[in-house]
Amino acid sequence: MNKIISKRDIIFILILLAIALLFYFFAYKNIQNDGDIVKVTVNGELYDTYPLSEDREVDIVISGEVKNSFEIKDNAVHMCDADCPDKLCIKQGQISRDGQMIVCLPNKVVIEIESEEEDYVDSISK
């Protein structure tokens, strides 16, 4: 009673996997909106907001010193420079989608992308 997997079974499994991967990819892409606003907080307080559509370089000044610098370019944000020892915030790369963040823990700086569009979330899941 040895059952051997036939070529049809393998093809069927591969087609199901391809459909599942396509569904996951399109569902994930549709969950996150493109961002509109760059919100910067320092030590939990709002530092400033910037439109994501305008290219610029921004220095974050804390206690009279430039602690972090980030750049908004081509509807994306990335941390250019930081005076923290590990520079992990620079290594986080660029962000452009609603809800994405760059965090610099030593300087307590958070750069977050927000969308002006309202998310379609019901009151129970909020």
N, C-alpha and C. Protein backbone atom coordinates (compact mmCIF):
# COMPACT_ATOMS: atom_id res chain seq x y z
N MET A 1 0.81 -1.18 0.00
CA MET A 1 0.00 0.00 0.00
C MET A 1 0.87 1.25 0.00
N ASN A 2 1.92 1.22 -0.74
CA ASN A 2 2.75 2.42 -0.88
C ASN A 2 2.11 3.35 -1.88
N LYS A 3 1.86 4.55 -1.43
CA LYS A 3 1.32 5.56 -2.34
C LYS A 3 2.46 6.47 -2.75
N ILE A 4 2.63 6.60 -4.00
CA ILE A 4 3.66 7.47 -4.53
C ILE A 4 2.99 8.74 -5.02
N ILE A 5 3.62 9.86 -4.72
CA ILE A 5 3.07 11.13 -5.18
C ILE A 5 3.30 11.23 -6.68
N SER A 6 2.21 11.47 -7.37
CA SER A 6 2.31 11.56 -8.82
C SER A 6 2.69 12.97 -9.26
N LYS A 7 2.97 13.10 -10.54
CA LYS A 7 3.31 14.41 -11.09
C LYS A 7 2.13 15.36 -10.96
N ARG A 8 0.93 14.85 -11.08
CA ARG A 8 -0.27 15.68 -10.94
C ARG A 8 -0.38 16.26 -9.53
N ASP A 9 -0.05 15.44 -8.53
CA ASP A 9 -0.09 15.91 -7.14
C ASP A 9 0.93 17.03 -6.92
N ILE A 10 2.13 16.88 -7.45
CA ILE A 10 3.16 17.89 -7.29
C ILE A 10 2.75 19.19 -8.00
N ILE A 11 2.22 19.07 -9.20
CA ILE A 11 1.76 20.26 -9.94
C ILE A 11 0.64 20.95 -9.18
N PHE A 12 -0.29 20.16 -8.64
CA PHE A 12 -1.40 20.73 -7.87
C PHE A 12 -0.89 21.48 -6.64
N ILE A 13 0.06 20.91 -5.93
CA ILE A 13 0.63 21.55 -4.74
C ILE A 13 1.36 22.84 -5.12
N LEU A 14 2.12 22.81 -6.21
CA LEU A 14 2.83 24.01 -6.66
C LEU A 14 1.87 25.13 -7.07
N ILE A 15 0.79 24.76 -7.72
CA ILE A 15 -0.22 25.77 -8.11
C ILE A 15 -0.86 26.37 -6.87
N LEU A 16 -1.19 25.55 -5.88
CA LEU A 16 -1.75 26.07 -4.63
C LEU A 16 -0.77 27.00 -3.91
N LEU A 17 0.50 26.64 -3.88
CA LEU A 17 1.51 27.51 -3.27
C LEU A 17 1.64 28.84 -4.01
N ALA A 18 1.61 28.79 -5.33
CA ALA A 18 1.71 30.02 -6.12
C ALA A 18 0.52 30.93 -5.86
N ILE A 19 -0.67 30.36 -5.79
CA ILE A 19 -1.88 31.14 -5.50
C ILE A 19 -1.80 31.75 -4.10
N ALA A 20 -1.33 30.98 -3.14
CA ALA A 20 -1.21 31.49 -1.77
C ALA A 20 -0.20 32.62 -1.69
N LEU A 21 0.93 32.49 -2.37
CA LEU A 21 1.94 33.55 -2.38
C LEU A 21 1.42 34.82 -3.05
N LEU A 22 0.71 34.67 -4.16
CA LEU A 22 0.13 35.83 -4.83
C LEU A 22 -0.90 36.52 -3.94
N PHE A 23 -1.73 35.74 -3.28
CA PHE A 23 -2.73 36.32 -2.38
C PHE A 23 -2.05 37.07 -1.24
N TYR A 24 -1.02 36.48 -0.66
CA TYR A 24 -0.29 37.13 0.43
C TYR A 24 0.34 38.43 -0.04
N PHE A 25 0.98 38.41 -1.21
CA PHE A 25 1.65 39.59 -1.72
C PHE A 25 0.66 40.73 -1.96
N PHE A 26 -0.44 40.45 -2.63
CA PHE A 26 -1.42 41.51 -2.93
C PHE A 26 -2.15 41.96 -1.67
N ALA A 27 -2.42 41.06 -0.76
CA ALA A 27 -3.08 41.45 0.49
C ALA A 27 -2.16 42.34 1.31
N TYR A 28 -0.89 42.01 1.38
CA TYR A 28 0.07 42.82 2.14
C TYR A 28 0.24 44.19 1.53
N LYS A 29 0.32 44.26 0.21
CA LYS A 29 0.49 45.55 -0.46
C LYS A 29 -0.72 46.45 -0.26
N ASN A 30 -1.90 45.88 -0.15
CA ASN A 30 -3.12 46.67 0.00
C ASN A 30 -3.38 47.07 1.44
N ILE A 31 -2.74 46.44 2.41
CA ILE A 31 -2.96 46.78 3.81
C ILE A 31 -2.33 48.12 4.13
N GLN A 32 -1.13 48.36 3.65
CA GLN A 32 -0.42 49.59 3.98
C GLN A 32 -0.65 50.65 2.91
N ASN A 33 -1.05 51.83 3.35
CA ASN A 33 -1.22 52.96 2.45
C ASN A 33 0.11 53.66 2.28
N ASP A 34 0.23 54.38 1.17
CA ASP A 34 1.38 55.25 1.03
C ASP A 34 1.24 56.37 2.05
N GLY A 35 2.35 56.78 2.62
CA GLY A 35 2.31 57.82 3.62
C GLY A 35 2.23 59.20 3.00
N ASP A 36 1.78 60.18 3.80
CA ASP A 36 1.68 61.56 3.36
C ASP A 36 2.49 62.51 4.24
N ILE A 37 2.65 62.13 5.51
CA ILE A 37 3.23 63.04 6.49
C ILE A 37 4.37 62.33 7.22
N VAL A 38 5.46 63.07 7.47
CA VAL A 38 6.56 62.59 8.30
C VAL A 38 6.40 63.25 9.66
N LYS A 39 6.19 62.45 10.68
CA LYS A 39 6.00 62.96 12.04
C LYS A 39 7.25 62.62 12.86
N VAL A 40 7.86 63.65 13.44
CA VAL A 40 9.08 63.47 14.22
C VAL A 40 8.76 63.76 15.69
N THR A 41 9.08 62.79 16.55
CA THR A 41 8.92 63.00 17.99
C THR A 41 10.28 62.83 18.66
N VAL A 42 10.53 63.66 19.66
CA VAL A 42 11.76 63.59 20.45
C VAL A 42 11.34 63.49 21.91
N ASN A 43 11.83 62.44 22.56
CA ASN A 43 11.51 62.19 23.97
C ASN A 43 10.00 62.12 24.20
N GLY A 44 9.28 61.55 23.24
CA GLY A 44 7.83 61.37 23.35
C GLY A 44 6.99 62.59 23.03
N GLU A 45 7.63 63.71 22.70
CA GLU A 45 6.89 64.93 22.38
C GLU A 45 7.06 65.26 20.90
N LEU A 46 6.01 65.79 20.29
CA LEU A 46 6.05 66.14 18.87
C LEU A 46 7.11 67.21 18.62
N TYR A 47 8.04 66.90 17.73
CA TYR A 47 9.10 67.84 17.35
C TYR A 47 8.64 68.68 16.16
N ASP A 48 8.15 68.00 15.11
CA ASP A 48 7.65 68.69 13.93
C ASP A 48 7.05 67.68 12.97
N THR A 49 6.30 68.17 11.99
CA THR A 49 5.78 67.33 10.92
C THR A 49 6.18 67.94 9.59
N TYR A 50 6.35 67.08 8.59
CA TYR A 50 6.78 67.52 7.27
C TYR A 50 5.98 66.74 6.22
N PRO A 51 5.67 67.38 5.09
CA PRO A 51 5.02 66.62 4.01
C PRO A 51 6.02 65.68 3.35
N LEU A 52 5.59 64.48 3.07
CA LEU A 52 6.46 63.49 2.47
C LEU A 52 6.74 63.82 1.00
N SER A 53 5.91 64.64 0.41
CA SER A 53 6.05 64.95 -1.01
C SER A 53 7.10 66.02 -1.31
N GLU A 54 7.58 66.73 -0.30
CA GLU A 54 8.57 67.78 -0.51
C GLU A 54 9.96 67.29 -0.09
N ASP A 55 10.90 67.31 -1.04
CA ASP A 55 12.27 66.88 -0.75
C ASP A 55 12.96 67.91 0.14
N ARG A 56 13.64 67.44 1.19
CA ARG A 56 14.38 68.33 2.08
C ARG A 56 15.28 67.52 3.00
N GLU A 57 16.25 68.21 3.58
CA GLU A 57 17.09 67.64 4.63
C GLU A 57 16.76 68.37 5.92
N VAL A 58 16.65 67.62 7.02
CA VAL A 58 16.26 68.21 8.30
C VAL A 58 17.25 67.78 9.36
N ASP A 59 17.72 68.76 10.14
CA ASP A 59 18.56 68.49 11.31
C ASP A 59 17.68 68.53 12.55
N ILE A 60 17.80 67.53 13.40
CA ILE A 60 17.07 67.50 14.67
C ILE A 60 18.01 68.04 15.74
N VAL A 61 17.65 69.19 16.27
CA VAL A 61 18.48 69.87 17.26
C VAL A 61 17.90 69.62 18.65
N ILE A 62 18.72 69.03 19.53
CA ILE A 62 18.32 68.75 20.90
C ILE A 62 19.34 69.41 21.82
N SER A 63 18.88 70.25 22.71
CA SER A 63 19.75 70.97 23.65
C SER A 63 20.85 71.75 22.93
N GLY A 64 20.49 72.36 21.81
CA GLY A 64 21.42 73.19 21.07
C GLY A 64 22.42 72.45 20.20
N GLU A 65 22.33 71.13 20.14
CA GLU A 65 23.24 70.33 19.32
C GLU A 65 22.45 69.54 18.29
N VAL A 66 23.03 69.39 17.10
CA VAL A 66 22.42 68.54 16.08
C VAL A 66 22.68 67.08 16.46
N LYS A 67 21.62 66.38 16.77
CA LYS A 67 21.73 64.98 17.19
C LYS A 67 21.50 64.01 16.04
N ASN A 68 20.53 64.31 15.19
CA ASN A 68 20.19 63.45 14.07
C ASN A 68 19.90 64.33 12.85
N SER A 69 20.11 63.75 11.68
CA SER A 69 19.74 64.39 10.42
C SER A 69 19.05 63.36 9.56
N PHE A 70 17.94 63.75 8.94
CA PHE A 70 17.26 62.84 8.03
C PHE A 70 16.93 63.57 6.75
N GLU A 71 16.68 62.78 5.70
CA GLU A 71 16.39 63.34 4.39
C GLU A 71 15.06 62.79 3.89
N ILE A 72 14.25 63.68 3.36
CA ILE A 72 13.02 63.30 2.67
C ILE A 72 13.30 63.48 1.18
N LYS A 73 13.23 62.39 0.44
CA LYS A 73 13.51 62.46 -0.99
C LYS A 73 12.72 61.39 -1.71
N ASP A 74 12.08 61.76 -2.81
CA ASP A 74 11.31 60.83 -3.64
C ASP A 74 10.26 60.08 -2.82
N ASN A 75 9.54 60.81 -1.97
CA ASN A 75 8.47 60.24 -1.14
C ASN A 75 8.96 59.14 -0.19
N ALA A 76 10.18 59.26 0.28
CA ALA A 76 10.73 58.32 1.25
C ALA A 76 11.63 59.08 2.21
N VAL A 77 11.84 58.51 3.39
CA VAL A 77 12.65 59.14 4.43
C VAL A 77 13.75 58.17 4.85
N HIS A 78 14.94 58.70 5.06
CA HIS A 78 15.99 57.89 5.67
C HIS A 78 16.85 58.77 6.57
N MET A 79 17.39 58.16 7.60
CA MET A 79 18.26 58.86 8.54
C MET A 79 19.65 58.95 7.90
N CYS A 80 20.14 60.17 7.76
CA CYS A 80 21.46 60.41 7.14
C CYS A 80 22.59 60.33 8.14
N ASP A 81 22.38 60.93 9.30
CA ASP A 81 23.46 61.04 10.27
C ASP A 81 22.89 61.02 11.68
N ALA A 82 23.66 60.48 12.60
CA ALA A 82 23.26 60.45 14.01
C ALA A 82 24.53 60.41 14.86
N ASP A 83 24.46 61.03 16.03
CA ASP A 83 25.63 61.03 16.89
C ASP A 83 25.61 59.89 17.91
N CYS A 84 24.68 58.96 17.75
CA CYS A 84 24.62 57.81 18.66
C CYS A 84 25.75 56.83 18.31
N PRO A 85 26.19 56.01 19.27
CA PRO A 85 27.35 55.15 19.04
C PRO A 85 27.11 53.99 18.07
N ASP A 86 25.91 53.41 18.06
CA ASP A 86 25.70 52.21 17.24
C ASP A 86 25.18 52.50 15.82
N LYS A 87 24.61 53.66 15.59
CA LYS A 87 24.11 54.09 14.27
C LYS A 87 23.06 53.13 13.69
N LEU A 88 22.31 52.45 14.55
CA LEU A 88 21.29 51.52 14.07
C LEU A 88 20.16 52.25 13.33
N CYS A 89 19.89 53.48 13.72
CA CYS A 89 18.83 54.24 13.05
C CYS A 89 19.18 54.51 11.59
N ILE A 90 20.46 54.65 11.29
CA ILE A 90 20.89 54.85 9.91
C ILE A 90 20.76 53.55 9.13
N LYS A 91 21.06 52.44 9.79
CA LYS A 91 21.02 51.13 9.15
C LYS A 91 19.59 50.63 8.91
N GLN A 92 18.58 51.30 9.48
CA GLN A 92 17.20 50.87 9.29
C GLN A 92 16.70 51.12 7.87
N GLY A 93 17.42 51.93 7.10
CA GLY A 93 17.07 52.16 5.71
C GLY A 93 15.99 53.21 5.57
N GLN A 94 15.33 53.20 4.42
CA GLN A 94 14.33 54.22 4.16
C GLN A 94 12.92 53.67 4.39
N ILE A 95 12.01 54.60 4.70
CA ILE A 95 10.62 54.25 4.94
C ILE A 95 9.74 55.15 4.08
N SER A 96 8.57 54.63 3.70
CA SER A 96 7.66 55.42 2.87
C SER A 96 6.19 55.05 3.07
N ARG A 97 5.91 54.01 3.82
CA ARG A 97 4.54 53.51 3.97
C ARG A 97 3.98 53.90 5.33
N ASP A 98 2.68 54.03 5.37
CA ASP A 98 1.96 54.40 6.60
C ASP A 98 2.30 53.42 7.72
N GLY A 99 2.70 53.96 8.88
CA GLY A 99 3.00 53.13 10.04
C GLY A 99 4.45 52.74 10.19
N GLN A 100 5.28 52.92 9.18
CA GLN A 100 6.69 52.58 9.29
C GLN A 100 7.41 53.62 10.14
N MET A 101 8.48 53.18 10.83
CA MET A 101 9.20 54.06 11.75
C MET A 101 10.70 53.85 11.64
N ILE A 102 11.43 54.92 11.95
CA ILE A 102 12.86 54.85 12.21
C ILE A 102 13.04 55.34 13.64
N VAL A 103 13.74 54.55 14.45
CA VAL A 103 13.88 54.88 15.87
C VAL A 103 15.36 54.98 16.22
N CYS A 104 15.72 56.06 16.89
CA CYS A 104 17.06 56.24 17.46
C CYS A 104 16.89 56.26 18.98
N LEU A 105 17.14 55.13 19.61
CA LEU A 105 16.91 55.01 21.04
C LEU A 105 17.82 55.89 21.89
N PRO A 106 19.12 55.99 21.61
CA PRO A 106 19.95 56.83 22.47
C PRO A 106 19.51 58.29 22.49
N ASN A 107 19.04 58.81 21.36
CA ASN A 107 18.59 60.21 21.29
C ASN A 107 17.08 60.36 21.49
N LYS A 108 16.37 59.24 21.65
CA LYS A 108 14.93 59.22 21.85
C LYS A 108 14.18 59.92 20.71
N VAL A 109 14.63 59.65 19.48
CA VAL A 109 14.04 60.24 18.28
C VAL A 109 13.27 59.15 17.54
N VAL A 110 12.02 59.48 17.16
CA VAL A 110 11.21 58.57 16.37
C VAL A 110 10.71 59.33 15.15
N ILE A 111 10.96 58.77 13.97
CA ILE A 111 10.44 59.32 12.72
C ILE A 111 9.41 58.33 12.22
N GLU A 112 8.19 58.80 12.04
CA GLU A 112 7.08 57.92 11.67
C GLU A 112 6.36 58.48 10.46
N ILE A 113 5.93 57.57 9.59
CA ILE A 113 5.15 57.94 8.43
C ILE A 113 3.68 57.77 8.77
N GLU A 114 2.88 58.78 8.46
CA GLU A 114 1.45 58.70 8.67
C GLU A 114 0.73 59.04 7.38
N SER A 115 -0.47 58.53 7.26
CA SER A 115 -1.30 58.79 6.09
C SER A 115 -2.46 59.66 6.49
N GLU A 116 -2.87 60.52 5.58
CA GLU A 116 -4.05 61.35 5.85
C GLU A 116 -5.33 60.56 5.62
N GLU A 117 -5.22 59.43 4.90
CA GLU A 117 -6.38 58.59 4.67
C GLU A 117 -6.74 57.85 5.95
N GLU A 118 -8.02 57.66 6.17
CA GLU A 118 -8.46 56.94 7.36
C GLU A 118 -8.39 55.45 7.09
N ASP A 119 -7.84 54.72 8.03
CA ASP A 119 -7.76 53.26 7.89
C ASP A 119 -9.15 52.67 8.05
N TYR A 120 -9.36 51.57 7.36
CA TYR A 120 -10.63 50.87 7.46
C TYR A 120 -10.56 49.82 8.55
N VAL A 121 -10.59 50.28 9.78
CA VAL A 121 -10.52 49.39 10.94
C VAL A 121 -11.75 49.66 11.77
N ASP A 122 -12.41 48.60 12.20
CA ASP A 122 -13.61 48.82 13.01
C ASP A 122 -13.24 49.16 14.44
N SER A 123 -14.22 49.59 15.20
CA SER A 123 -13.96 50.06 16.55
C SER A 123 -13.51 48.96 17.50
N ILE A 124 -13.85 47.73 17.21
CA ILE A 124 -13.47 46.62 18.09
C ILE A 124 -11.97 46.34 17.97
N SER A 125 -11.43 46.38 16.77
CA SER A 125 -10.02 46.07 16.61
C SER A 125 -9.12 47.24 16.95
N LYS A 126 -9.66 48.44 17.13
CA LYS A 126 -8.86 49.58 17.59
C LYS A 126 -8.58 49.38 19.05
